[in-house]
Every structure is written in structure tokens, then in C-alpha cells.
Amino acid sequence: MAELFEEESFLNITTETQKIIAVHLDVKELKKKVIEEDEDMCKAYRELVKDWKQEGREQGDKHRLIQDIQNLMDSLRLTAEQAMDALKIEGQEREDCYKIIGRL
């Protein structure tokens, strides 16, 4: 898909054609940017991919942090609070970790 959006012939399609393609691709965020915000589809797609990659990295970081907390809890028999203190997790990040650990 990314390669298609970079092809010269694809970069020159009309706004109406971009909107039709966006509808058929059925990606909610892409449709919103192209149809409602009248943004260029290729640019919108690149921005969405960048956002999705960032979200993936953040989710991966959160997953590793939860694993670190659980490892400390299991290995050293710490409470979740003690493990987060040891890892210096504070504020909203700490609250998010409590929510995730509570679901496990």
C-alpha cells in the first residue's frame, strides 16, 4: 500500500478519486482525513502510518514495563507498589500500570 501511494501516477489522481479510494479502503482515520478534512490521501496515509508505528512502540514499552514489574514481584516477592517504587514509576504511568496489573 505504501509503495502504491508513492508512485508518480498515483500522486496525480483527482480529489474525488482519492475520496472514492479512501471509502473503499474503509480505514476510519483515513476516510476522516480525506473526506471530512479534505487532506491529500498520500499525505494522510503517511501520517497515519507514522502514528500507528508510534502507538505500537508505546504499547511495546508499556508491555516491557509491566513485565519488569511482574518479574520484580515474582523474583523478590515485592508488592506491585514496591516494584514500581524500585523502578521509579510515578504519576499517570503508575496509575496505568495498576490498571493493567489489576486485569492480569
PDB file of N, CA and C in Angstrom:
ATOM      1  N   MET A   1       0.828  -1.180   0.000  1.00  0.00           N
ATOM      2  CA  MET A   1       0.000   0.000   0.000  1.00  0.00           C
ATOM      3  C   MET A   1       0.876   1.249   0.000  1.00  0.00           C
ATOM      4  N   ALA A   2       1.880   1.261   0.860  1.00  0.00           N
ATOM      5  CA  ALA A   2       2.750   2.439   0.950  1.00  0.00           C
ATOM      6  C   ALA A   2       3.444   2.707  -0.383  1.00  0.00           C
ATOM      7  N   GLU A   3       3.883   1.633  -1.064  1.00  0.00           N
ATOM      8  CA  GLU A   3       4.543   1.806  -2.350  1.00  0.00           C
ATOM      9  C   GLU A   3       3.590   2.405  -3.379  1.00  0.00           C
ATOM     10  N   LEU A   4       2.348   1.962  -3.354  1.00  0.00           N
ATOM     11  CA  LEU A   4       1.345   2.483  -4.280  1.00  0.00           C
ATOM     12  C   LEU A   4       1.158   3.987  -4.085  1.00  0.00           C
ATOM     13  N   PHE A   5       1.111   4.429  -2.831  1.00  0.00           N
ATOM     14  CA  PHE A   5       0.898   5.844  -2.553  1.00  0.00           C
ATOM     15  C   PHE A   5       2.095   6.704  -2.951  1.00  0.00           C
ATOM     16  N   GLU A   6       3.226   6.097  -3.234  1.00  0.00           N
ATOM     17  CA  GLU A   6       4.415   6.845  -3.629  1.00  0.00           C
ATOM     18  C   GLU A   6       4.598   6.898  -5.142  1.00  0.00           C
ATOM     19  N   GLU A   7       3.841   6.092  -5.896  1.00  0.00           N
ATOM     20  CA  GLU A   7       4.001   6.072  -7.350  1.00  0.00           C
ATOM     21  C   GLU A   7       3.566   7.406  -7.950  1.00  0.00           C
ATOM     22  N   GLU A   8       4.317   7.845  -8.950  1.00  0.00           N
ATOM     23  CA  GLU A   8       4.056   9.135  -9.597  1.00  0.00           C
ATOM     24  C   GLU A   8       2.636   9.224 -10.141  1.00  0.00           C
ATOM     25  N   SER A   9       2.173   8.179 -10.803  1.00  0.00           N
ATOM     26  CA  SER A   9       0.830   8.211 -11.394  1.00  0.00           C
ATOM     27  C   SER A   9      -0.248   8.306 -10.318  1.00  0.00           C
ATOM     28  N   PHE A  10       0.002   7.726  -9.183  1.00  0.00           N
ATOM     29  CA  PHE A  10      -0.978   7.750  -8.104  1.00  0.00           C
ATOM     30  C   PHE A  10      -1.020   9.114  -7.420  1.00  0.00           C
ATOM     31  N   LEU A  11       0.098   9.798  -7.409  1.00  0.00           N
ATOM     32  CA  LEU A  11       0.176  11.103  -6.756  1.00  0.00           C
ATOM     33  C   LEU A  11      -0.635  12.172  -7.487  1.00  0.00           C
ATOM     34  N   ASN A  12      -0.974  11.914  -8.726  1.00  0.00           N
ATOM     35  CA  ASN A  12      -1.669  12.915  -9.535  1.00  0.00           C
ATOM     36  C   ASN A  12      -3.164  12.642  -9.703  1.00  0.00           C
ATOM     37  N   ILE A  13      -3.742  11.761  -8.921  1.00  0.00           N
ATOM     38  CA  ILE A  13      -5.171  11.484  -9.077  1.00  0.00           C
ATOM     39  C   ILE A  13      -6.002  12.611  -8.473  1.00  0.00           C
ATOM     40  N   THR A  14      -7.219  12.722  -8.946  1.00  0.00           N
ATOM     41  CA  THR A  14      -8.079  13.818  -8.506  1.00  0.00           C
ATOM     42  C   THR A  14      -8.531  13.622  -7.062  1.00  0.00           C
ATOM     43  N   THR A  15      -8.992  14.703  -6.496  1.00  0.00           N
ATOM     44  CA  THR A  15      -9.510  14.672  -5.121  1.00  0.00           C
ATOM     45  C   THR A  15     -10.687  13.717  -5.017  1.00  0.00           C
ATOM     46  N   GLU A  16     -11.565  13.741  -6.011  1.00  0.00           N
ATOM     47  CA  GLU A  16     -12.732  12.850  -5.999  1.00  0.00           C
ATOM     48  C   GLU A  16     -12.305  11.390  -6.021  1.00  0.00           C
ATOM     49  N   THR A  17     -11.306  11.065  -6.838  1.00  0.00           N
ATOM     50  CA  THR A  17     -10.807   9.689  -6.907  1.00  0.00           C
ATOM     51  C   THR A  17     -10.186   9.293  -5.570  1.00  0.00           C
ATOM     52  N   GLN A  18      -9.464  10.213  -4.945  1.00  0.00           N
ATOM     53  CA  GLN A  18      -8.878   9.926  -3.627  1.00  0.00           C
ATOM     54  C   GLN A  18      -9.973   9.588  -2.621  1.00  0.00           C
ATOM     55  N   LYS A  19     -11.063  10.352  -2.661  1.00  0.00           N
ATOM     56  CA  LYS A  19     -12.170  10.115  -1.729  1.00  0.00           C
ATOM     57  C   LYS A  19     -12.809   8.754  -1.969  1.00  0.00           C
ATOM     58  N   ILE A  20     -12.965   8.386  -3.225  1.00  0.00           N
ATOM     59  CA  ILE A  20     -13.552   7.077  -3.555  1.00  0.00           C
ATOM     60  C   ILE A  20     -12.646   5.962  -3.051  1.00  0.00           C
ATOM     61  N   ILE A  21     -11.350   6.095  -3.270  1.00  0.00           N
ATOM     62  CA  ILE A  21     -10.401   5.085  -2.804  1.00  0.00           C
ATOM     63  C   ILE A  21     -10.425   5.002  -1.279  1.00  0.00           C
ATOM     64  N   ALA A  22     -10.467   6.142  -0.615  1.00  0.00           N
ATOM     65  CA  ALA A  22     -10.495   6.163   0.850  1.00  0.00           C
ATOM     66  C   ALA A  22     -11.731   5.431   1.370  1.00  0.00           C
ATOM     67  N   VAL A  23     -12.866   5.625   0.731  1.00  0.00           N
ATOM     68  CA  VAL A  23     -14.098   4.940   1.147  1.00  0.00           C
ATOM     69  C   VAL A  23     -13.945   3.436   0.966  1.00  0.00           C
ATOM     70  N   HIS A  24     -13.380   3.014  -0.155  1.00  0.00           N
ATOM     71  CA  HIS A  24     -13.227   1.580  -0.425  1.00  0.00           C
ATOM     72  C   HIS A  24     -12.173   0.923   0.461  1.00  0.00           C
ATOM     73  N   LEU A  25     -11.164   1.667   0.866  1.00  0.00           N
ATOM     74  CA  LEU A  25     -10.166   1.108   1.776  1.00  0.00           C
ATOM     75  C   LEU A  25     -10.770   0.873   3.154  1.00  0.00           C
ATOM     76  N   ASP A  26     -11.773   1.663   3.491  1.00  0.00           N
ATOM     77  CA  ASP A  26     -12.524   1.525   4.740  1.00  0.00           C
ATOM     78  C   ASP A  26     -11.636   1.588   5.983  1.00  0.00           C
ATOM     79  N   VAL A  27     -10.736   2.561   6.001  1.00  0.00           N
ATOM     80  CA  VAL A  27      -9.916   2.849   7.178  1.00  0.00           C
ATOM     81  C   VAL A  27     -10.483   4.137   7.760  1.00  0.00           C
ATOM     82  N   LYS A  28     -11.096   4.020   8.934  1.00  0.00           N
ATOM     83  CA  LYS A  28     -11.836   5.137   9.531  1.00  0.00           C
ATOM     84  C   LYS A  28     -11.037   6.432   9.563  1.00  0.00           C
ATOM     85  N   GLU A  29      -9.804   6.368  10.061  1.00  0.00           N
ATOM     86  CA  GLU A  29      -8.992   7.573  10.192  1.00  0.00           C
ATOM     87  C   GLU A  29      -8.654   8.184   8.832  1.00  0.00           C
ATOM     88  N   LEU A  30      -8.398   7.318   7.847  1.00  0.00           N
ATOM     89  CA  LEU A  30      -8.058   7.797   6.512  1.00  0.00           C
ATOM     90  C   LEU A  30      -9.275   8.464   5.868  1.00  0.00           C
ATOM     91  N   LYS A  31     -10.444   7.833   6.005  1.00  0.00           N
ATOM     92  CA  LYS A  31     -11.665   8.433   5.450  1.00  0.00           C
ATOM     93  C   LYS A  31     -11.912   9.809   6.064  1.00  0.00           C
ATOM     94  N   LYS A  32     -11.723   9.916   7.374  1.00  0.00           N
ATOM     95  CA  LYS A  32     -11.960  11.198   8.049  1.00  0.00           C
ATOM     96  C   LYS A  32     -11.039  12.281   7.497  1.00  0.00           C
ATOM     97  N   LYS A  33      -9.747  11.950   7.377  1.00  0.00           N
ATOM     98  CA  LYS A  33      -8.788  12.946   6.902  1.00  0.00           C
ATOM     99  C   LYS A  33      -9.044  13.341   5.451  1.00  0.00           C
ATOM    100  N   VAL A  34      -9.356  12.357   4.610  1.00  0.00           N
ATOM    101  CA  VAL A  34      -9.510  12.633   3.180  1.00  0.00           C
ATOM    102  C   VAL A  34     -10.864  13.264   2.869  1.00  0.00           C
ATOM    103  N   ILE A  35     -11.925  12.733   3.461  1.00  0.00           N
ATOM    104  CA  ILE A  35     -13.266  13.205   3.119  1.00  0.00           C
ATOM    105  C   ILE A  35     -13.674  14.415   3.949  1.00  0.00           C
ATOM    106  N   GLU A  36     -13.566  14.317   5.251  1.00  0.00           N
ATOM    107  CA  GLU A  36     -14.032  15.413   6.107  1.00  0.00           C
ATOM    108  C   GLU A  36     -13.048  16.578   6.172  1.00  0.00           C
ATOM    109  N   GLU A  37     -11.757  16.263   6.222  1.00  0.00           N
ATOM    110  CA  GLU A  37     -10.751  17.316   6.372  1.00  0.00           C
ATOM    111  C   GLU A  37     -10.123  17.722   5.040  1.00  0.00           C
ATOM    112  N   ASP A  38     -10.512  17.048   3.950  1.00  0.00           N
ATOM    113  CA  ASP A  38     -10.053  17.358   2.600  1.00  0.00           C
ATOM    114  C   ASP A  38      -8.529  17.346   2.489  1.00  0.00           C
ATOM    115  N   GLU A  39      -7.902  16.384   3.162  1.00  0.00           N
ATOM    116  CA  GLU A  39      -6.444  16.265   3.141  1.00  0.00           C
ATOM    117  C   GLU A  39      -6.026  15.329   2.002  1.00  0.00           C
ATOM    118  N   ASP A  40      -4.854  15.542   1.461  1.00  0.00           N
ATOM    119  CA  ASP A  40      -4.317  14.666   0.422  1.00  0.00           C
ATOM    120  C   ASP A  40      -4.171  13.250   0.977  1.00  0.00           C
ATOM    121  N   MET A  41      -4.650  12.260   0.217  1.00  0.00           N
ATOM    122  CA  MET A  41      -4.674  10.889   0.708  1.00  0.00           C
ATOM    123  C   MET A  41      -3.271  10.339   0.982  1.00  0.00           C
ATOM    124  N   CYS A  42      -2.336  10.610   0.110  1.00  0.00           N
ATOM    125  CA  CYS A  42      -0.981  10.089   0.305  1.00  0.00           C
ATOM    126  C   CYS A  42      -0.361  10.656   1.587  1.00  0.00           C
ATOM    127  N   LYS A  43      -0.534  11.945   1.775  1.00  0.00           N
ATOM    128  CA  LYS A  43      -0.014  12.596   2.986  1.00  0.00           C
ATOM    129  C   LYS A  43      -0.722  12.044   4.220  1.00  0.00           C
ATOM    130  N   ALA A  44      -2.034  11.916   4.146  1.00  0.00           N
ATOM    131  CA  ALA A  44      -2.809  11.395   5.280  1.00  0.00           C
ATOM    132  C   ALA A  44      -2.370   9.979   5.621  1.00  0.00           C
ATOM    133  N   TYR A  45      -2.163   9.163   4.614  1.00  0.00           N
ATOM    134  CA  TYR A  45      -1.740   7.774   4.843  1.00  0.00           C
ATOM    135  C   TYR A  45      -0.376   7.731   5.535  1.00  0.00           C
ATOM    136  N   ARG A  46       0.564   8.538   5.046  1.00  0.00           N
ATOM    137  CA  ARG A  46       1.896   8.554   5.671  1.00  0.00           C
ATOM    138  C   ARG A  46       1.814   8.992   7.130  1.00  0.00           C
ATOM    139  N   GLU A  47       0.983   9.983   7.423  1.00  0.00           N
ATOM    140  CA  GLU A  47       0.821  10.440   8.807  1.00  0.00           C
ATOM    141  C   GLU A  47       0.206   9.357   9.680  1.00  0.00           C
ATOM    142  N   LEU A  48      -0.786   8.641   9.140  1.00  0.00           N
ATOM    143  CA  LEU A  48      -1.425   7.566   9.910  1.00  0.00           C
ATOM    144  C   LEU A  48      -0.441   6.444  10.204  1.00  0.00           C
ATOM    145  N   VAL A  49       0.350   6.062   9.212  1.00  0.00           N
ATOM    146  CA  VAL A  49       1.341   5.001   9.424  1.00  0.00           C
ATOM    147  C   VAL A  49       2.327   5.424  10.509  1.00  0.00           C
ATOM    148  N   LYS A  50       2.759   6.667  10.457  1.00  0.00           N
ATOM    149  CA  LYS A  50       3.673   7.199  11.487  1.00  0.00           C
ATOM    150  C   LYS A  50       3.019   7.119  12.875  1.00  0.00           C
ATOM    151  N   ASP A  51       1.743   7.534  12.960  1.00  0.00           N
ATOM    152  CA  ASP A  51       1.016   7.475  14.233  1.00  0.00           C
ATOM    153  C   ASP A  51       0.877   6.037  14.726  1.00  0.00           C
ATOM    154  N   TRP A  52       0.535   5.116  13.815  1.00  0.00           N
ATOM    155  CA  TRP A  52       0.358   3.711  14.188  1.00  0.00           C
ATOM    156  C   TRP A  52       1.666   3.108  14.692  1.00  0.00           C
ATOM    157  N   LYS A  53       2.772   3.470  14.045  1.00  0.00           N
ATOM    158  CA  LYS A  53       4.076   2.964  14.496  1.00  0.00           C
ATOM    159  C   LYS A  53       4.390   3.488  15.890  1.00  0.00           C
ATOM    160  N   GLN A  54       4.119   4.772  16.132  1.00  0.00           N
ATOM    161  CA  GLN A  54       4.368   5.363  17.448  1.00  0.00           C
ATOM    162  C   GLN A  54       3.515   4.673  18.514  1.00  0.00           C
ATOM    163  N   GLU A  55       2.245   4.448  18.206  1.00  0.00           N
ATOM    164  CA  GLU A  55       1.358   3.762  19.149  1.00  0.00           C
ATOM    165  C   GLU A  55       1.872   2.362  19.445  1.00  0.00           C
ATOM    166  N   GLY A  56       2.378   1.690  18.419  1.00  0.00           N
ATOM    167  CA  GLY A  56       2.937   0.349  18.603  1.00  0.00           C
ATOM    168  C   GLY A  56       4.149   0.368  19.517  1.00  0.00           C
ATOM    169  N   ARG A  57       5.004   1.369  19.322  1.00  0.00           N
ATOM    170  CA  ARG A  57       6.185   1.498  20.198  1.00  0.00           C
ATOM    171  C   ARG A  57       5.759   1.748  21.636  1.00  0.00           C
ATOM    172  N   GLU A  58       4.781   2.623  21.811  1.00  0.00           N
ATOM    173  CA  GLU A  58       4.314   2.938  23.164  1.00  0.00           C
ATOM    174  C   GLU A  58       3.705   1.707  23.823  1.00  0.00           C
ATOM    175  N   GLN A  59       2.938   0.935  23.066  1.00  0.00           N
ATOM    176  CA  GLN A  59       2.351  -0.290  23.618  1.00  0.00           C
ATOM    177  C   GLN A  59       3.444  -1.287  23.988  1.00  0.00           C
ATOM    178  N   GLY A  60       4.469  -1.377  23.133  1.00  0.00           N
ATOM    179  CA  GLY A  60       5.593  -2.277  23.418  1.00  0.00           C
ATOM    180  C   GLY A  60       6.334  -1.856  24.670  1.00  0.00           C
ATOM    181  N   ASP A  61       6.538  -0.541  24.829  1.00  0.00           N
ATOM    182  CA  ASP A  61       7.211  -0.030  26.023  1.00  0.00           C
ATOM    183  C   ASP A  61       6.397  -0.348  27.276  1.00  0.00           C
ATOM    184  N   LYS A  62       5.083  -0.154  27.187  1.00  0.00           N
ATOM    185  CA  LYS A  62       4.196  -0.425  28.328  1.00  0.00           C
ATOM    186  C   LYS A  62       4.231  -1.918  28.673  1.00  0.00           C
ATOM    187  N   HIS A  63       4.247  -2.765  27.649  1.00  0.00           N
ATOM    188  CA  HIS A  63       4.285  -4.211  27.872  1.00  0.00           C
ATOM    189  C   HIS A  63       5.587  -4.616  28.584  1.00  0.00           C
ATOM    190  N   ARG A  64       6.713  -4.043  28.138  1.00  0.00           N
ATOM    191  CA  ARG A  64       8.000  -4.348  28.779  1.00  0.00           C
ATOM    192  C   ARG A  64       8.019  -3.866  30.230  1.00  0.00           C
ATOM    193  N   LEU A  65       7.436  -2.713  30.492  1.00  0.00           N
ATOM    194  CA  LEU A  65       7.386  -2.168  31.844  1.00  0.00           C
ATOM    195  C   LEU A  65       6.577  -3.089  32.756  1.00  0.00           C
ATOM    196  N   ILE A  66       5.438  -3.563  32.284  1.00  0.00           N
ATOM    197  CA  ILE A  66       4.606  -4.480  33.069  1.00  0.00           C
ATOM    198  C   ILE A  66       5.373  -5.770  33.337  1.00  0.00           C
ATOM    199  N   GLN A  67       6.098  -6.257  32.343  1.00  0.00           N
ATOM    200  CA  GLN A  67       6.907  -7.464  32.544  1.00  0.00           C
ATOM    201  C   GLN A  67       7.976  -7.233  33.614  1.00  0.00           C
ATOM    202  N   ASP A  68       8.615  -6.064  33.588  1.00  0.00           N
ATOM    203  CA  ASP A  68       9.630  -5.740  34.594  1.00  0.00           C
ATOM    204  C   ASP A  68       9.020  -5.715  35.994  1.00  0.00           C
ATOM    205  N   ILE A  69       7.841  -5.115  36.119  1.00  0.00           N
ATOM    206  CA  ILE A  69       7.160  -5.069  37.416  1.00  0.00           C
ATOM    207  C   ILE A  69       6.846  -6.478  37.890  1.00  0.00           C
ATOM    208  N   GLN A  70       6.284  -7.286  36.998  1.00  0.00           N
ATOM    209  CA  GLN A  70       5.923  -8.659  37.383  1.00  0.00           C
ATOM    210  C   GLN A  70       7.157  -9.477  37.745  1.00  0.00           C
ATOM    211  N   ASN A  71       8.256  -9.276  37.033  1.00  0.00           N
ATOM    212  CA  ASN A  71       9.488 -10.000  37.350  1.00  0.00           C
ATOM    213  C   ASN A  71       9.996  -9.641  38.749  1.00  0.00           C
ATOM    214  N   LEU A  72       9.957  -8.343  39.078  1.00  0.00           N
ATOM    215  CA  LEU A  72      10.367  -7.935  40.422  1.00  0.00           C
ATOM    216  C   LEU A  72       9.440  -8.514  41.485  1.00  0.00           C
ATOM    217  N   MET A  73       8.158  -8.513  41.195  1.00  0.00           N
ATOM    218  CA  MET A  73       7.192  -9.060  42.154  1.00  0.00           C
ATOM    219  C   MET A  73       7.439 -10.552  42.377  1.00  0.00           C
ATOM    220  N   ASP A  74       7.672 -11.282  41.291  1.00  0.00           N
ATOM    221  CA  ASP A  74       7.883 -12.732  41.397  1.00  0.00           C
ATOM    222  C   ASP A  74       9.240 -13.078  41.997  1.00  0.00           C
ATOM    223  N   SER A  75      10.291 -12.433  41.503  1.00  0.00           N
ATOM    224  CA  SER A  75      11.645 -12.781  41.931  1.00  0.00           C
ATOM    225  C   SER A  75      11.965 -12.344  43.348  1.00  0.00           C
ATOM    226  N   LEU A  76      11.555 -11.139  43.695  1.00  0.00           N
ATOM    227  CA  LEU A  76      11.914 -10.588  45.001  1.00  0.00           C
ATOM    228  C   LEU A  76      10.741 -10.555  45.973  1.00  0.00           C
ATOM    229  N   ARG A  77       9.607 -11.106  45.540  1.00  0.00           N
ATOM    230  CA  ARG A  77       8.389 -11.145  46.353  1.00  0.00           C
ATOM    231  C   ARG A  77       7.975  -9.739  46.817  1.00  0.00           C
ATOM    232  N   LEU A  78       8.023  -8.808  45.856  1.00  0.00           N
ATOM    233  CA  LEU A  78       7.619  -7.443  46.145  1.00  0.00           C
ATOM    234  C   LEU A  78       6.142  -7.266  45.805  1.00  0.00           C
ATOM    235  N   THR A  79       5.522  -6.283  46.417  1.00  0.00           N
ATOM    236  CA  THR A  79       4.180  -5.894  46.012  1.00  0.00           C
ATOM    237  C   THR A  79       4.308  -5.075  44.726  1.00  0.00           C
ATOM    238  N   ALA A  80       3.196  -4.846  44.061  1.00  0.00           N
ATOM    239  CA  ALA A  80       3.221  -4.017  42.855  1.00  0.00           C
ATOM    240  C   ALA A  80       3.738  -2.626  43.188  1.00  0.00           C
ATOM    241  N   GLU A  81       3.298  -2.112  44.329  1.00  0.00           N
ATOM    242  CA  GLU A  81       3.730  -0.782  44.748  1.00  0.00           C
ATOM    243  C   GLU A  81       5.238  -0.735  44.971  1.00  0.00           C
ATOM    244  N   GLN A  82       5.790  -1.739  45.646  1.00  0.00           N
ATOM    245  CA  GLN A  82       7.231  -1.767  45.900  1.00  0.00           C
ATOM    246  C   GLN A  82       8.015  -1.899  44.587  1.00  0.00           C
ATOM    247  N   ALA A  83       7.509  -2.722  43.686  1.00  0.00           N
ATOM    248  CA  ALA A  83       8.188  -2.906  42.397  1.00  0.00           C
ATOM    249  C   ALA A  83       8.203  -1.599  41.605  1.00  0.00           C
ATOM    250  N   MET A  84       7.078  -0.876  41.619  1.00  0.00           N
ATOM    251  CA  MET A  84       7.022   0.397  40.900  1.00  0.00           C
ATOM    252  C   MET A  84       7.890   1.457  41.574  1.00  0.00           C
ATOM    253  N   ASP A  85       7.987   1.408  42.897  1.00  0.00           N
ATOM    254  CA  ASP A  85       8.898   2.311  43.600  1.00  0.00           C
ATOM    255  C   ASP A  85      10.335   2.041  43.158  1.00  0.00           C
ATOM    256  N   ALA A  86      10.693   0.758  43.092  1.00  0.00           N
ATOM    257  CA  ALA A  86      12.052   0.382  42.700  1.00  0.00           C
ATOM    258  C   ALA A  86      12.365   0.834  41.270  1.00  0.00           C
ATOM    259  N   LEU A  87      11.358   0.803  40.408  1.00  0.00           N
ATOM    260  CA  LEU A  87      11.547   1.219  39.015  1.00  0.00           C
ATOM    261  C   LEU A  87      11.303   2.714  38.806  1.00  0.00           C
ATOM    262  N   LYS A  88      10.978   3.409  39.898  1.00  0.00           N
ATOM    263  CA  LYS A  88      10.726   4.855  39.868  1.00  0.00           C
ATOM    264  C   LYS A  88       9.600   5.229  38.891  1.00  0.00           C
ATOM    265  N   ILE A  89       8.523   4.465  38.967  1.00  0.00           N
ATOM    266  CA  ILE A  89       7.342   4.727  38.145  1.00  0.00           C
ATOM    267  C   ILE A  89       6.408   5.610  38.954  1.00  0.00           C
ATOM    268  N   GLU A  90       6.020   6.735  38.381  1.00  0.00           N
ATOM    269  CA  GLU A  90       5.203   7.702  39.120  1.00  0.00           C
ATOM    270  C   GLU A  90       4.055   8.231  38.263  1.00  0.00           C
ATOM    271  N   GLY A  91       3.164   8.942  38.900  1.00  0.00           N
ATOM    272  CA  GLY A  91       2.101   9.681  38.220  1.00  0.00           C
ATOM    273  C   GLY A  91       1.152   8.818  37.405  1.00  0.00           C
ATOM    274  N   GLN A  92       0.786   9.330  36.238  1.00  0.00           N
ATOM    275  CA  GLN A  92      -0.181   8.665  35.364  1.00  0.00           C
ATOM    276  C   GLN A  92       0.326   7.298  34.910  1.00  0.00           C
ATOM    277  N   GLU A  93       1.621   7.208  34.672  1.00  0.00           N
ATOM    278  CA  GLU A  93       2.190   5.927  34.250  1.00  0.00           C
ATOM    279  C   GLU A  93       1.967   4.863  35.328  1.00  0.00           C
ATOM    280  N   ARG A  94       2.100   5.254  36.589  1.00  0.00           N
ATOM    281  CA  ARG A  94       1.885   4.329  37.701  1.00  0.00           C
ATOM    282  C   ARG A  94       0.428   3.888  37.747  1.00  0.00           C
ATOM    283  N   GLU A  95      -0.492   4.843  37.578  1.00  0.00           N
ATOM    284  CA  GLU A  95      -1.918   4.505  37.566  1.00  0.00           C
ATOM    285  C   GLU A  95      -2.246   3.553  36.425  1.00  0.00           C
ATOM    286  N   ASP A  96      -1.669   3.802  35.258  1.00  0.00           N
ATOM    287  CA  ASP A  96      -1.893   2.921  34.107  1.00  0.00           C
ATOM    288  C   ASP A  96      -1.393   1.512  34.400  1.00  0.00           C
ATOM    289  N   CYS A  97      -0.238   1.418  35.038  1.00  0.00           N
ATOM    290  CA  CYS A  97       0.320   0.101  35.376  1.00  0.00           C
ATOM    291  C   CYS A  97      -0.581  -0.636  36.361  1.00  0.00           C
ATOM    292  N   TYR A  98      -1.092   0.070  37.366  1.00  0.00           N
ATOM    293  CA  TYR A  98      -2.014  -0.548  38.322  1.00  0.00           C
ATOM    294  C   TYR A  98      -3.231  -1.132  37.609  1.00  0.00           C
ATOM    295  N   LYS A  99      -3.768  -0.386  36.663  1.00  0.00           N
ATOM    296  CA  LYS A  99      -4.938  -0.855  35.908  1.00  0.00           C
ATOM    297  C   LYS A  99      -4.630  -2.131  35.149  1.00  0.00           C
ATOM    298  N   ILE A 100      -3.474  -2.167  34.492  1.00  0.00           N
ATOM    299  CA  ILE A 100      -3.101  -3.348  33.697  1.00  0.00           C
ATOM    300  C   ILE A 100      -2.838  -4.531  34.612  1.00  0.00           C
ATOM    301  N   ILE A 101      -2.078  -4.320  35.672  1.00  0.00           N
ATOM    302  CA  ILE A 101      -1.746  -5.411  36.599  1.00  0.00           C
ATOM    303  C   ILE A 101      -3.012  -5.966  37.249  1.00  0.00           C
ATOM    304  N   GLY A 102      -3.959  -5.078  37.547  1.00  0.00           N
ATOM    305  CA  GLY A 102      -5.220  -5.499  38.144  1.00  0.00           C
ATOM    306  C   GLY A 102      -6.029  -6.407  37.244  1.00  0.00           C
ATOM    307  N   ARG A 103      -5.844  -6.293  35.922  1.00  0.00           N
ATOM    308  CA  ARG A 103      -6.572  -7.133  34.968  1.00  0.00           C
ATOM    309  C   ARG A 103      -5.919  -8.473  34.747  1.00  0.00           C
ATOM    310  N   LEU A 104      -4.656  -8.606  35.147  1.00  0.00           N
ATOM    311  CA  LEU A 104      -3.909  -9.861  34.887  1.00  0.00           C
ATOM    312  C   LEU A 104      -4.281 -10.959  35.841  1.00  0.00           C
TER     313      LEU A 104
END
